[in-house]
Structures are given as C-alpha cells and as structure tokens.
Amino acid sequence: MTWRKSWAKNWERMRYCSAGCRRQRGTARLDRDLKNAILSLLDQRASGTTICPPEAARLVREDGWREIMERTRSAARRLTSRGAIEIVQVGQRVDPSKARGPIRLRRVDSGSS
C-alpha cells in the first residue's frame, strides 16, 4: 500500500487502500488455510489416494463450508499449477480449467500420467 496525500492525517490507522481491499480482508488467510488443509489431508492418506474438496472446506470452516467451496476449488487449481497436486475425475488427471462436476484431489506421483 502506498502513501496517499488524502490519508496524511490517518496514515498510522490506515489498514486498507480501498473499499475493495476492505471487502477482501481475510481472503488471503482463507486461501492459505484451504491450501494447508488440502495438503494436510493428502499427507494423512496413502500415496495415490484422493480427497474430495468438501473435506478440506469442512476442515477450515465446519459451519458454512458450502459457501467456500469455490474458494476450495480455486486453492486446488493453484496447487495444481504449482505441481503439488493434481485434479482427477474418474481416476484420470484432468485439466483444471476444463474440469466440470465432481473432482478429487491427489498428490502428484512421479509415476502418474
């Protein structure tokens, strides 16, 4: 956040640069928690097994987990782009941008195709 003349009197108390940033507060934390939940659940499973995104959402927010399902899928797509996990449907890896309907998540295995 960069200094603005209009904030001069309140600079020490400024927390958000705009109303949009204020509305998005906590989203970075939620994204980090979802990412960590996905990886934690996968670490607890045997190699090659999968989890479903609602498991991670419930781990982060027991009540109201349905409201964060799209955020959970987004966290999974980011992990996929980093190469940490893969998104699968009917046991086959799918392109995250084209996946529609129920998905599962699994750790990337060096032997998978």
PDB file of N, CA and C in Angstrom:
ATOM      1  N   MET A   1       0.855  -1.158   0.000  1.00  0.00           N
ATOM      2  CA  MET A   1       0.000   0.000   0.000  1.00  0.00           C
ATOM      3  C   MET A   1       0.909   1.232   0.000  1.00  0.00           C
ATOM      4  N   THR A   2       0.656   2.136  -0.889  1.00  0.00           N
ATOM      5  CA  THR A   2       1.467   3.346  -0.970  1.00  0.00           C
ATOM      6  C   THR A   2       0.741   4.523  -0.334  1.00  0.00           C
ATOM      7  N   TRP A   3       1.536   5.428   0.153  1.00  0.00           N
ATOM      8  CA  TRP A   3       1.011   6.604   0.837  1.00  0.00           C
ATOM      9  C   TRP A   3       0.223   7.474  -0.126  1.00  0.00           C
ATOM     10  N   ARG A   4      -0.889   8.019   0.353  1.00  0.00           N
ATOM     11  CA  ARG A   4      -1.681   8.976  -0.411  1.00  0.00           C
ATOM     12  C   ARG A   4      -1.857  10.226   0.438  1.00  0.00           C
ATOM     13  N   LYS A   5      -1.802  11.365  -0.225  1.00  0.00           N
ATOM     14  CA  LYS A   5      -1.920  12.639   0.489  1.00  0.00           C
ATOM     15  C   LYS A   5      -3.211  12.713   1.299  1.00  0.00           C
ATOM     16  N   SER A   6      -4.286  12.178   0.763  1.00  0.00           N
ATOM     17  CA  SER A   6      -5.576  12.233   1.462  1.00  0.00           C
ATOM     18  C   SER A   6      -5.570  11.440   2.770  1.00  0.00           C
ATOM     19  N   TRP A   7      -4.592  10.548   2.945  1.00  0.00           N
ATOM     20  CA  TRP A   7      -4.506   9.749   4.154  1.00  0.00           C
ATOM     21  C   TRP A   7      -3.539  10.334   5.174  1.00  0.00           C
ATOM     22  N   ALA A   8      -2.958  11.477   4.897  1.00  0.00           N
ATOM     23  CA  ALA A   8      -1.884  12.028   5.725  1.00  0.00           C
ATOM     24  C   ALA A   8      -2.247  12.095   7.203  1.00  0.00           C
ATOM     25  N   LYS A   9      -3.448  12.519   7.516  1.00  0.00           N
ATOM     26  CA  LYS A   9      -3.850  12.661   8.917  1.00  0.00           C
ATOM     27  C   LYS A   9      -4.056  11.311   9.599  1.00  0.00           C
ATOM     28  N   ASN A  10      -4.350  10.280   8.839  1.00  0.00           N
ATOM     29  CA  ASN A  10      -4.698   8.975   9.407  1.00  0.00           C
ATOM     30  C   ASN A  10      -3.748   7.852   8.992  1.00  0.00           C
ATOM     31  N   TRP A  11      -2.566   8.168   8.511  1.00  0.00           N
ATOM     32  CA  TRP A  11      -1.690   7.146   7.941  1.00  0.00           C
ATOM     33  C   TRP A  11      -1.432   5.989   8.915  1.00  0.00           C
ATOM     34  N   GLU A  12      -1.209   6.270  10.195  1.00  0.00           N
ATOM     35  CA  GLU A  12      -0.933   5.216  11.167  1.00  0.00           C
ATOM     36  C   GLU A  12      -2.107   4.254  11.331  1.00  0.00           C
ATOM     37  N   ARG A  13      -3.316   4.737  11.091  1.00  0.00           N
ATOM     38  CA  ARG A  13      -4.504   3.893  11.260  1.00  0.00           C
ATOM     39  C   ARG A  13      -4.972   3.240   9.968  1.00  0.00           C
ATOM     40  N   MET A  14      -4.377   3.563   8.836  1.00  0.00           N
ATOM     41  CA  MET A  14      -4.811   3.003   7.548  1.00  0.00           C
ATOM     42  C   MET A  14      -4.496   1.511   7.508  1.00  0.00           C
ATOM     43  N   ARG A  15      -5.487   0.742   7.135  1.00  0.00           N
ATOM     44  CA  ARG A  15      -5.306  -0.702   7.024  1.00  0.00           C
ATOM     45  C   ARG A  15      -5.592  -1.207   5.624  1.00  0.00           C
ATOM     46  N   TYR A  16      -6.463  -0.521   4.893  1.00  0.00           N
ATOM     47  CA  TYR A  16      -6.861  -0.955   3.554  1.00  0.00           C
ATOM     48  C   TYR A  16      -6.753   0.217   2.591  1.00  0.00           C
ATOM     49  N   CYS A  17      -6.346  -0.044   1.369  1.00  0.00           N
ATOM     50  CA  CYS A  17      -6.168   1.026   0.396  1.00  0.00           C
ATOM     51  C   CYS A  17      -7.473   1.416  -0.282  1.00  0.00           C
ATOM     52  N   SER A  18      -8.476   0.554  -0.188  1.00  0.00           N
ATOM     53  CA  SER A  18      -9.743   0.845  -0.861  1.00  0.00           C
ATOM     54  C   SER A  18     -10.860   0.019  -0.240  1.00  0.00           C
ATOM     55  N   ALA A  19     -12.085   0.341  -0.645  1.00  0.00           N
ATOM     56  CA  ALA A  19     -13.230  -0.439  -0.173  1.00  0.00           C
ATOM     57  C   ALA A  19     -13.134  -1.876  -0.685  1.00  0.00           C
ATOM     58  N   GLY A  20     -12.604  -2.045  -1.898  1.00  0.00           N
ATOM     59  CA  GLY A  20     -12.429  -3.386  -2.453  1.00  0.00           C
ATOM     60  C   GLY A  20     -11.483  -4.233  -1.612  1.00  0.00           C
ATOM     61  N   CYS A  21     -10.377  -3.627  -1.175  1.00  0.00           N
ATOM     62  CA  CYS A  21      -9.442  -4.351  -0.306  1.00  0.00           C
ATOM     63  C   CYS A  21     -10.088  -4.678   1.039  1.00  0.00           C
ATOM     64  N   ARG A  22     -10.876  -3.759   1.540  1.00  0.00           N
ATOM     65  CA  ARG A  22     -11.560  -3.992   2.807  1.00  0.00           C
ATOM     66  C   ARG A  22     -12.515  -5.176   2.690  1.00  0.00           C
ATOM     67  N   ARG A  23     -13.246  -5.242   1.568  1.00  0.00           N
ATOM     68  CA  ARG A  23     -14.175  -6.358   1.364  1.00  0.00           C
ATOM     69  C   ARG A  23     -13.441  -7.687   1.253  1.00  0.00           C
ATOM     70  N   GLN A  24     -12.225  -7.650   0.735  1.00  0.00           N
ATOM     71  CA  GLN A  24     -11.457  -8.871   0.535  1.00  0.00           C
ATOM     72  C   GLN A  24     -10.644  -9.280   1.755  1.00  0.00           C
ATOM     73  N   ARG A  25     -10.739  -8.528   2.868  1.00  0.00           N
ATOM     74  CA  ARG A  25      -9.929  -8.838   4.050  1.00  0.00           C
ATOM     75  C   ARG A  25     -10.183 -10.275   4.482  1.00  0.00           C
ATOM     76  N   GLY A  26      -9.148 -10.893   4.897  1.00  0.00           N
ATOM     77  CA  GLY A  26      -9.254 -12.274   5.361  1.00  0.00           C
ATOM     78  C   GLY A  26      -9.215 -13.300   4.244  1.00  0.00           C
ATOM     79  N   THR A  27      -9.291 -12.873   3.004  1.00  0.00           N
ATOM     80  CA  THR A  27      -9.306 -13.855   1.930  1.00  0.00           C
ATOM     81  C   THR A  27      -7.957 -14.522   1.762  1.00  0.00           C
ATOM     82  N   ALA A  28      -6.875 -13.792   1.967  1.00  0.00           N
ATOM     83  CA  ALA A  28      -5.549 -14.405   1.866  1.00  0.00           C
ATOM     84  C   ALA A  28      -5.399 -15.478   2.943  1.00  0.00           C
ATOM     85  N   ARG A  29      -5.895 -15.186   4.130  1.00  0.00           N
ATOM     86  CA  ARG A  29      -5.835 -16.163   5.213  1.00  0.00           C
ATOM     87  C   ARG A  29      -6.686 -17.386   4.876  1.00  0.00           C
ATOM     88  N   LEU A  30      -7.881 -17.159   4.338  1.00  0.00           N
ATOM     89  CA  LEU A  30      -8.749 -18.278   3.963  1.00  0.00           C
ATOM     90  C   LEU A  30      -8.088 -19.121   2.882  1.00  0.00           C
ATOM     91  N   ASP A  31      -7.509 -18.480   1.882  1.00  0.00           N
ATOM     92  CA  ASP A  31      -6.833 -19.227   0.821  1.00  0.00           C
ATOM     93  C   ASP A  31      -5.676 -20.055   1.383  1.00  0.00           C
ATOM     94  N   ARG A  32      -4.897 -19.464   2.269  1.00  0.00           N
ATOM     95  CA  ARG A  32      -3.772 -20.184   2.883  1.00  0.00           C
ATOM     96  C   ARG A  32      -4.284 -21.363   3.706  1.00  0.00           C
ATOM     97  N   ASP A  33      -5.356 -21.145   4.479  1.00  0.00           N
ATOM     98  CA  ASP A  33      -5.914 -22.225   5.295  1.00  0.00           C
ATOM     99  C   ASP A  33      -6.450 -23.360   4.427  1.00  0.00           C
ATOM    100  N   LEU A  34      -7.093 -23.026   3.315  1.00  0.00           N
ATOM    101  CA  LEU A  34      -7.608 -24.061   2.409  1.00  0.00           C
ATOM    102  C   LEU A  34      -6.462 -24.848   1.787  1.00  0.00           C
ATOM    103  N   LYS A  35      -5.435 -24.145   1.346  1.00  0.00           N
ATOM    104  CA  LYS A  35      -4.273 -24.814   0.760  1.00  0.00           C
ATOM    105  C   LYS A  35      -3.643 -25.756   1.780  1.00  0.00           C
ATOM    106  N   ASN A  36      -3.458 -25.281   3.003  1.00  0.00           N
ATOM    107  CA  ASN A  36      -2.872 -26.119   4.044  1.00  0.00           C
ATOM    108  C   ASN A  36      -3.764 -27.307   4.394  1.00  0.00           C
ATOM    109  N   ALA A  37      -5.075 -27.108   4.395  1.00  0.00           N
ATOM    110  CA  ALA A  37      -6.000 -28.202   4.684  1.00  0.00           C
ATOM    111  C   ALA A  37      -5.912 -29.283   3.607  1.00  0.00           C
ATOM    112  N   ILE A  38      -5.864 -28.869   2.357  1.00  0.00           N
ATOM    113  CA  ILE A  38      -5.757 -29.839   1.253  1.00  0.00           C
ATOM    114  C   ILE A  38      -4.484 -30.655   1.404  1.00  0.00           C
ATOM    115  N   LEU A  39      -3.350 -29.979   1.605  1.00  0.00           N
ATOM    116  CA  LEU A  39      -2.076 -30.685   1.719  1.00  0.00           C
ATOM    117  C   LEU A  39      -2.024 -31.560   2.965  1.00  0.00           C
ATOM    118  N   SER A  40      -2.586 -31.073   4.063  1.00  0.00           N
ATOM    119  CA  SER A  40      -2.598 -31.858   5.297  1.00  0.00           C
ATOM    120  C   SER A  40      -3.413 -33.136   5.130  1.00  0.00           C
ATOM    121  N   LEU A  41      -4.591 -33.018   4.542  1.00  0.00           N
ATOM    122  CA  LEU A  41      -5.422 -34.207   4.327  1.00  0.00           C
ATOM    123  C   LEU A  41      -4.727 -35.207   3.408  1.00  0.00           C
ATOM    124  N   LEU A  42      -4.070 -34.711   2.377  1.00  0.00           N
ATOM    125  CA  LEU A  42      -3.367 -35.615   1.459  1.00  0.00           C
ATOM    126  C   LEU A  42      -2.169 -36.271   2.133  1.00  0.00           C
ATOM    127  N   ASP A  43      -1.505 -35.554   3.041  1.00  0.00           N
ATOM    128  CA  ASP A  43      -0.378 -36.132   3.775  1.00  0.00           C
ATOM    129  C   ASP A  43      -0.828 -37.271   4.680  1.00  0.00           C
ATOM    130  N   GLN A  44      -2.068 -37.212   5.139  1.00  0.00           N
ATOM    131  CA  GLN A  44      -2.595 -38.237   6.034  1.00  0.00           C
ATOM    132  C   GLN A  44      -3.040 -39.493   5.288  1.00  0.00           C
ATOM    133  N   ARG A  45      -3.121 -39.414   3.978  1.00  0.00           N
ATOM    134  CA  ARG A  45      -3.597 -40.544   3.171  1.00  0.00           C
ATOM    135  C   ARG A  45      -2.421 -41.302   2.561  1.00  0.00           C
ATOM    136  N   ALA A  46      -2.692 -42.524   2.177  1.00  0.00           N
ATOM    137  CA  ALA A  46      -1.687 -43.331   1.497  1.00  0.00           C
ATOM    138  C   ALA A  46      -1.391 -42.731   0.127  1.00  0.00           C
ATOM    139  N   SER A  47      -0.215 -42.980  -0.368  1.00  0.00           N
ATOM    140  CA  SER A  47       0.188 -42.466  -1.673  1.00  0.00           C
ATOM    141  C   SER A  47      -0.788 -42.929  -2.755  1.00  0.00           C
ATOM    142  N   GLY A  48      -1.178 -42.010  -3.610  1.00  0.00           N
ATOM    143  CA  GLY A  48      -2.076 -42.333  -4.710  1.00  0.00           C
ATOM    144  C   GLY A  48      -3.548 -42.216  -4.379  1.00  0.00           C
ATOM    145  N   THR A  49      -3.893 -42.037  -3.109  1.00  0.00           N
ATOM    146  CA  THR A  49      -5.300 -41.891  -2.760  1.00  0.00           C
ATOM    147  C   THR A  49      -5.722 -40.443  -2.901  1.00  0.00           C
ATOM    148  N   THR A  50      -7.017 -40.229  -2.917  1.00  0.00           N
ATOM    149  CA  THR A  50      -7.551 -38.899  -3.187  1.00  0.00           C
ATOM    150  C   THR A  50      -8.394 -38.391  -2.024  1.00  0.00           C
ATOM    151  N   ILE A  51      -8.650 -37.089  -2.077  1.00  0.00           N
ATOM    152  CA  ILE A  51      -9.618 -36.470  -1.171  1.00  0.00           C
ATOM    153  C   ILE A  51     -10.609 -35.703  -2.031  1.00  0.00           C
ATOM    154  N   CYS A  52     -11.755 -35.394  -1.474  1.00  0.00           N
ATOM    155  CA  CYS A  52     -12.690 -34.533  -2.194  1.00  0.00           C
ATOM    156  C   CYS A  52     -12.604 -33.131  -1.578  1.00  0.00           C
ATOM    157  N   PRO A  53     -12.754 -32.096  -2.374  1.00  0.00           N
ATOM    158  CA  PRO A  53     -12.628 -30.727  -1.875  1.00  0.00           C
ATOM    159  C   PRO A  53     -13.495 -30.395  -0.656  1.00  0.00           C
ATOM    160  N   PRO A  54     -14.729 -30.933  -0.543  1.00  0.00           N
ATOM    161  CA  PRO A  54     -15.504 -30.616   0.654  1.00  0.00           C
ATOM    162  C   PRO A  54     -14.832 -31.034   1.974  1.00  0.00           C
ATOM    163  N   GLU A  55     -13.984 -32.059   1.926  1.00  0.00           N
ATOM    164  CA  GLU A  55     -13.268 -32.445   3.145  1.00  0.00           C
ATOM    165  C   GLU A  55     -12.392 -31.301   3.633  1.00  0.00           C
ATOM    166  N   ALA A  56     -11.687 -30.655   2.721  1.00  0.00           N
ATOM    167  CA  ALA A  56     -10.826 -29.535   3.096  1.00  0.00           C
ATOM    168  C   ALA A  56     -11.663 -28.342   3.547  1.00  0.00           C
ATOM    169  N   ALA A  57     -12.757 -28.086   2.854  1.00  0.00           N
ATOM    170  CA  ALA A  57     -13.624 -26.962   3.226  1.00  0.00           C
ATOM    171  C   ALA A  57     -14.184 -27.159   4.631  1.00  0.00           C
ATOM    172  N   ARG A  58     -14.591 -28.381   4.951  1.00  0.00           N
ATOM    173  CA  ARG A  58     -15.124 -28.660   6.289  1.00  0.00           C
ATOM    174  C   ARG A  58     -14.056 -28.526   7.364  1.00  0.00           C
ATOM    175  N   LEU A  59     -12.823 -28.874   7.008  1.00  0.00           N
ATOM    176  CA  LEU A  59     -11.727 -28.756   7.963  1.00  0.00           C
ATOM    177  C   LEU A  59     -11.466 -27.286   8.311  1.00  0.00           C
ATOM    178  N   VAL A  60     -11.623 -26.414   7.322  1.00  0.00           N
ATOM    179  CA  VAL A  60     -11.386 -24.984   7.531  1.00  0.00           C
ATOM    180  C   VAL A  60     -12.575 -24.304   8.189  1.00  0.00           C
ATOM    181  N   ARG A  61     -13.761 -24.642   7.720  1.00  0.00           N
ATOM    182  CA  ARG A  61     -14.972 -23.988   8.237  1.00  0.00           C
ATOM    183  C   ARG A  61     -16.063 -25.028   8.397  1.00  0.00           C
ATOM    184  N   GLU A  62     -16.190 -25.554   9.600  1.00  0.00           N
ATOM    185  CA  GLU A  62     -17.154 -26.626   9.854  1.00  0.00           C
ATOM    186  C   GLU A  62     -18.576 -26.203   9.507  1.00  0.00           C
ATOM    187  N   ASP A  63     -18.962 -25.026   9.964  1.00  0.00           N
ATOM    188  CA  ASP A  63     -20.271 -24.477   9.602  1.00  0.00           C
ATOM    189  C   ASP A  63     -20.060 -23.505   8.451  1.00  0.00           C
ATOM    190  N   GLY A  64     -20.869 -23.609   7.442  1.00  0.00           N
ATOM    191  CA  GLY A  64     -20.742 -22.704   6.296  1.00  0.00           C
ATOM    192  C   GLY A  64     -19.701 -23.137   5.286  1.00  0.00           C
ATOM    193  N   TRP A  65     -19.337 -24.410   5.287  1.00  0.00           N
ATOM    194  CA  TRP A  65     -18.311 -24.874   4.356  1.00  0.00           C
ATOM    195  C   TRP A  65     -18.775 -24.789   2.905  1.00  0.00           C
ATOM    196  N   ARG A  66     -20.069 -24.879   2.678  1.00  0.00           N
ATOM    197  CA  ARG A  66     -20.567 -24.816   1.296  1.00  0.00           C
ATOM    198  C   ARG A  66     -20.260 -23.461   0.654  1.00  0.00           C
ATOM    199  N   GLU A  67     -20.284 -22.405   1.476  1.00  0.00           N
ATOM    200  CA  GLU A  67     -20.027 -21.064   0.945  1.00  0.00           C
ATOM    201  C   GLU A  67     -18.596 -20.888   0.456  1.00  0.00           C
ATOM    202  N   ILE A  68     -17.679 -21.733   0.907  1.00  0.00           N
ATOM    203  CA  ILE A  68     -16.276 -21.581   0.482  1.00  0.00           C
ATOM    204  C   ILE A  68     -15.837 -22.662  -0.501  1.00  0.00           C
ATOM    205  N   MET A  69     -16.796 -23.386  -1.058  1.00  0.00           N
ATOM    206  CA  MET A  69     -16.434 -24.465  -1.985  1.00  0.00           C
ATOM    207  C   MET A  69     -15.718 -23.949  -3.235  1.00  0.00           C
ATOM    208  N   GLU A  70     -16.173 -22.843  -3.803  1.00  0.00           N
ATOM    209  CA  GLU A  70     -15.478 -22.325  -4.995  1.00  0.00           C
ATOM    210  C   GLU A  70     -14.071 -21.877  -4.634  1.00  0.00           C
ATOM    211  N   ARG A  71     -13.910 -21.308  -3.460  1.00  0.00           N
ATOM    212  CA  ARG A  71     -12.572 -20.921  -2.998  1.00  0.00           C
ATOM    213  C   ARG A  71     -11.696 -22.148  -2.815  1.00  0.00           C
ATOM    214  N   THR A  72     -12.295 -23.258  -2.362  1.00  0.00           N
ATOM    215  CA  THR A  72     -11.552 -24.500  -2.185  1.00  0.00           C
ATOM    216  C   THR A  72     -11.081 -25.025  -3.532  1.00  0.00           C
ATOM    217  N   ARG A  73     -11.960 -25.005  -4.520  1.00  0.00           N
ATOM    218  CA  ARG A  73     -11.573 -25.441  -5.863  1.00  0.00           C
ATOM    219  C   ARG A  73     -10.492 -24.525  -6.434  1.00  0.00           C
ATOM    220  N   SER A  74     -10.565 -23.235  -6.145  1.00  0.00           N
ATOM    221  CA  SER A  74      -9.535 -22.302  -6.612  1.00  0.00           C
ATOM    222  C   SER A  74      -8.190 -22.602  -5.956  1.00  0.00           C
ATOM    223  N   ALA A  75      -8.217 -22.905  -4.664  1.00  0.00           N
ATOM    224  CA  ALA A  75      -6.981 -23.271  -3.967  1.00  0.00           C
ATOM    225  C   ALA A  75      -6.386 -24.533  -4.584  1.00  0.00           C
ATOM    226  N   ALA A  76      -7.237 -25.482  -4.939  1.00  0.00           N
ATOM    227  CA  ALA A  76      -6.769 -26.714  -5.578  1.00  0.00           C
ATOM    228  C   ALA A  76      -6.158 -26.407  -6.947  1.00  0.00           C
ATOM    229  N   ARG A  77      -6.771 -25.504  -7.705  1.00  0.00           N
ATOM    230  CA  ARG A  77      -6.208 -25.141  -9.014  1.00  0.00           C
ATOM    231  C   ARG A  77      -4.839 -24.487  -8.853  1.00  0.00           C
ATOM    232  N   ARG A  78      -4.681 -23.638  -7.825  1.00  0.00           N
ATOM    233  CA  ARG A  78      -3.379 -23.012  -7.599  1.00  0.00           C
ATOM    234  C   ARG A  78      -2.328 -24.051  -7.222  1.00  0.00           C
ATOM    235  N   LEU A  79      -2.704 -25.004  -6.381  1.00  0.00           N
ATOM    236  CA  LEU A  79      -1.770 -26.076  -6.027  1.00  0.00           C
ATOM    237  C   LEU A  79      -1.419 -26.928  -7.239  1.00  0.00           C
ATOM    238  N   THR A  80      -2.381 -27.108  -8.126  1.00  0.00           N
ATOM    239  CA  THR A  80      -2.129 -27.861  -9.357  1.00  0.00           C
ATOM    240  C   THR A  80      -1.135 -27.111 -10.241  1.00  0.00           C
ATOM    241  N   SER A  81      -1.302 -25.802 -10.351  1.00  0.00           N
ATOM    242  CA  SER A  81      -0.386 -25.023 -11.198  1.00  0.00           C
ATOM    243  C   SER A  81       1.027 -25.029 -10.628  1.00  0.00           C
ATOM    244  N   ARG A  82       1.159 -25.195  -9.310  1.00  0.00           N
ATOM    245  CA  ARG A  82       2.476 -25.294  -8.678  1.00  0.00           C
ATOM    246  C   ARG A  82       3.068 -26.693  -8.802  1.00  0.00           C
ATOM    247  N   GLY A  83       2.259 -27.645  -9.217  1.00  0.00           N
ATOM    248  CA  GLY A  83       2.738 -29.016  -9.373  1.00  0.00           C
ATOM    249  C   GLY A  83       2.680 -29.841  -8.100  1.00  0.00           C
ATOM    250  N   ALA A  84       1.993 -29.355  -7.076  1.00  0.00           N
ATOM    251  CA  ALA A  84       1.919 -30.067  -5.805  1.00  0.00           C
ATOM    252  C   ALA A  84       0.862 -31.162  -5.814  1.00  0.00           C
ATOM    253  N   ILE A  85      -0.250 -30.917  -6.491  1.00  0.00           N
ATOM    254  CA  ILE A  85      -1.341 -31.886  -6.550  1.00  0.00           C
ATOM    255  C   ILE A  85      -1.850 -31.958  -7.979  1.00  0.00           C
ATOM    256  N   GLU A  86      -2.755 -32.897  -8.201  1.00  0.00           N
ATOM    257  CA  GLU A  86      -3.447 -32.954  -9.482  1.00  0.00           C
ATOM    258  C   GLU A  86      -4.931 -33.158  -9.229  1.00  0.00           C
ATOM    259  N   ILE A  87      -5.718 -32.670 -10.160  1.00  0.00           N
ATOM    260  CA  ILE A  87      -7.168 -32.801 -10.091  1.00  0.00           C
ATOM    261  C   ILE A  87      -7.557 -33.977 -10.969  1.00  0.00           C
ATOM    262  N   VAL A  88      -8.382 -34.860 -10.421  1.00  0.00           N
ATOM    263  CA  VAL A  88      -8.773 -36.054 -11.156  1.00  0.00           C
ATOM    264  C   VAL A  88     -10.286 -36.201 -11.178  1.00  0.00           C
ATOM    265  N   GLN A  89     -10.752 -36.827 -12.240  1.00  0.00           N
ATOM    266  CA  GLN A  89     -12.149 -37.229 -12.369  1.00  0.00           C
ATOM    267  C   GLN A  89     -12.142 -38.641 -12.915  1.00  0.00           C
ATOM    268  N   VAL A  90     -12.891 -39.509 -12.295  1.00  0.00           N
ATOM    269  CA  VAL A  90     -12.975 -40.923 -12.671  1.00  0.00           C
ATOM    270  C   VAL A  90     -11.561 -41.522 -12.775  1.00  0.00           C
ATOM    271  N   GLY A  91     -10.705 -41.132 -11.826  1.00  0.00           N
ATOM    272  CA  GLY A  91      -9.366 -41.687 -11.756  1.00  0.00           C
ATOM    273  C   GLY A  91      -8.355 -41.131 -12.742  1.00  0.00           C
ATOM    274  N   GLN A  92      -8.771 -40.253 -13.635  1.00  0.00           N
ATOM    275  CA  GLN A  92      -7.865 -39.706 -14.638  1.00  0.00           C
ATOM    276  C   GLN A  92      -7.596 -38.225 -14.372  1.00  0.00           C
ATOM    277  N   ARG A  93      -6.341 -37.826 -14.545  1.00  0.00           N
ATOM    278  CA  ARG A  93      -5.983 -36.430 -14.378  1.00  0.00           C
ATOM    279  C   ARG A  93      -6.701 -35.591 -15.422  1.00  0.00           C
ATOM    280  N   VAL A  94      -7.220 -34.424 -15.002  1.00  0.00           N
ATOM    281  CA  VAL A  94      -7.935 -33.538 -15.919  1.00  0.00           C
ATOM    282  C   VAL A  94      -7.324 -32.143 -15.853  1.00  0.00           C
ATOM    283  N   ASP A  95      -7.536 -31.390 -16.901  1.00  0.00           N
ATOM    284  CA  ASP A  95      -7.115 -30.000 -16.949  1.00  0.00           C
ATOM    285  C   ASP A  95      -8.000 -29.209 -15.990  1.00  0.00           C
ATOM    286  N   PRO A  96      -7.413 -28.522 -15.007  1.00  0.00           N
ATOM    287  CA  PRO A  96      -8.225 -27.804 -14.017  1.00  0.00           C
ATOM    288  C   PRO A  96      -9.175 -26.776 -14.629  1.00  0.00           C
ATOM    289  N   SER A  97      -8.792 -26.180 -15.741  1.00  0.00           N
ATOM    290  CA  SER A  97      -9.647 -25.168 -16.361  1.00  0.00           C
ATOM    291  C   SER A  97     -10.845 -25.779 -17.072  1.00  0.00           C
ATOM    292  N   LYS A  98     -10.794 -27.078 -17.342  1.00  0.00           N
ATOM    293  CA  LYS A  98     -11.874 -27.736 -18.061  1.00  0.00           C
ATOM    294  C   LYS A  98     -12.680 -28.699 -17.195  1.00  0.00           C
ATOM    295  N   ALA A  99     -12.262 -28.875 -15.956  1.00  0.00           N
ATOM    296  CA  ALA A  99     -12.957 -29.823 -15.072  1.00  0.00           C
ATOM    297  C   ALA A  99     -14.327 -29.278 -14.700  1.00  0.00           C
ATOM    298  N   ARG A 100     -15.348 -30.063 -14.939  1.00  0.00           N
ATOM    299  CA  ARG A 100     -16.726 -29.716 -14.575  1.00  0.00           C
ATOM    300  C   ARG A 100     -17.284 -30.841 -13.725  1.00  0.00           C
ATOM    301  N   GLY A 101     -18.073 -30.491 -12.755  1.00  0.00           N
ATOM    302  CA  GLY A 101     -18.668 -31.510 -11.898  1.00  0.00           C
ATOM    303  C   GLY A 101     -17.732 -31.931 -10.788  1.00  0.00           C
ATOM    304  N   PRO A 102     -18.029 -33.078 -10.166  1.00  0.00           N
ATOM    305  CA  PRO A 102     -17.249 -33.538  -9.017  1.00  0.00           C
ATOM    306  C   PRO A 102     -15.788 -33.808  -9.387  1.00  0.00           C
ATOM    307  N   ILE A 103     -14.896 -33.365  -8.530  1.00  0.00           N
ATOM    308  CA  ILE A 103     -13.470 -33.617  -8.729  1.00  0.00           C
ATOM    309  C   ILE A 103     -12.905 -34.244  -7.471  1.00  0.00           C
ATOM    310  N   ARG A 104     -11.754 -34.836  -7.608  1.00  0.00           N
ATOM    311  CA  ARG A 104     -10.992 -35.372  -6.485  1.00  0.00           C
ATOM    312  C   ARG A 104      -9.585 -34.794  -6.603  1.00  0.00           C
ATOM    313  N   LEU A 105      -8.862 -34.804  -5.494  1.00  0.00           N
ATOM    314  CA  LEU A 105      -7.516 -34.250  -5.462  1.00  0.00           C
ATOM    315  C   LEU A 105      -6.552 -35.305  -4.981  1.00  0.00           C
ATOM    316  N   ARG A 106      -5.371 -35.363  -5.592  1.00  0.00           N
ATOM    317  CA  ARG A 106      -4.347 -36.284  -5.135  1.00  0.00           C
ATOM    318  C   ARG A 106      -2.970 -35.667  -5.326  1.00  0.00           C
ATOM    319  N   ARG A 107      -2.024 -36.166  -4.535  1.00  0.00           N
ATOM    320  CA  ARG A 107      -0.640 -35.719  -4.652  1.00  0.00           C
ATOM    321  C   ARG A 107      -0.099 -36.144  -6.008  1.00  0.00           C
ATOM    322  N   VAL A 108       0.791 -35.345  -6.525  1.00  0.00           N
ATOM    323  CA  VAL A 108       1.436 -35.692  -7.783  1.00  0.00           C
ATOM    324  C   VAL A 108       2.421 -36.815  -7.493  1.00  0.00           C
ATOM    325  N   ASP A 109       2.307 -37.872  -8.268  1.00  0.00           N
ATOM    326  CA  ASP A 109       3.195 -39.022  -8.150  1.00  0.00           C
ATOM    327  C   ASP A 109       4.073 -39.062  -9.385  1.00  0.00           C
ATOM    328  N   SER A 110       5.355 -39.279  -9.203  1.00  0.00           N
ATOM    329  CA  SER A 110       6.279 -39.281 -10.339  1.00  0.00           C
ATOM    330  C   SER A 110       5.932 -40.330 -11.383  1.00  0.00           C
ATOM    331  N   GLY A 111       5.207 -41.366 -10.993  1.00  0.00           N
ATOM    332  CA  GLY A 111       4.832 -42.406 -11.944  1.00  0.00           C
ATOM    333  C   GLY A 111       3.495 -42.212 -12.606  1.00  0.00           C
ATOM    334  N   SER A 112       2.761 -41.107 -12.260  1.00  0.00           N
ATOM    335  CA  SER A 112       1.421 -40.917 -12.835  1.00  0.00           C
ATOM    336  C   SER A 112       1.522 -40.308 -14.213  1.00  0.00           C
ATOM    337  N   SER A 113       0.467 -40.496 -15.006  1.00  0.00           N
ATOM    338  CA  SER A 113       0.497 -39.996 -16.373  1.00  0.00           C
ATOM    339  C   SER A 113      -0.342 -38.764 -16.541  1.00  0.00           C
TER     340      SER A 113
END
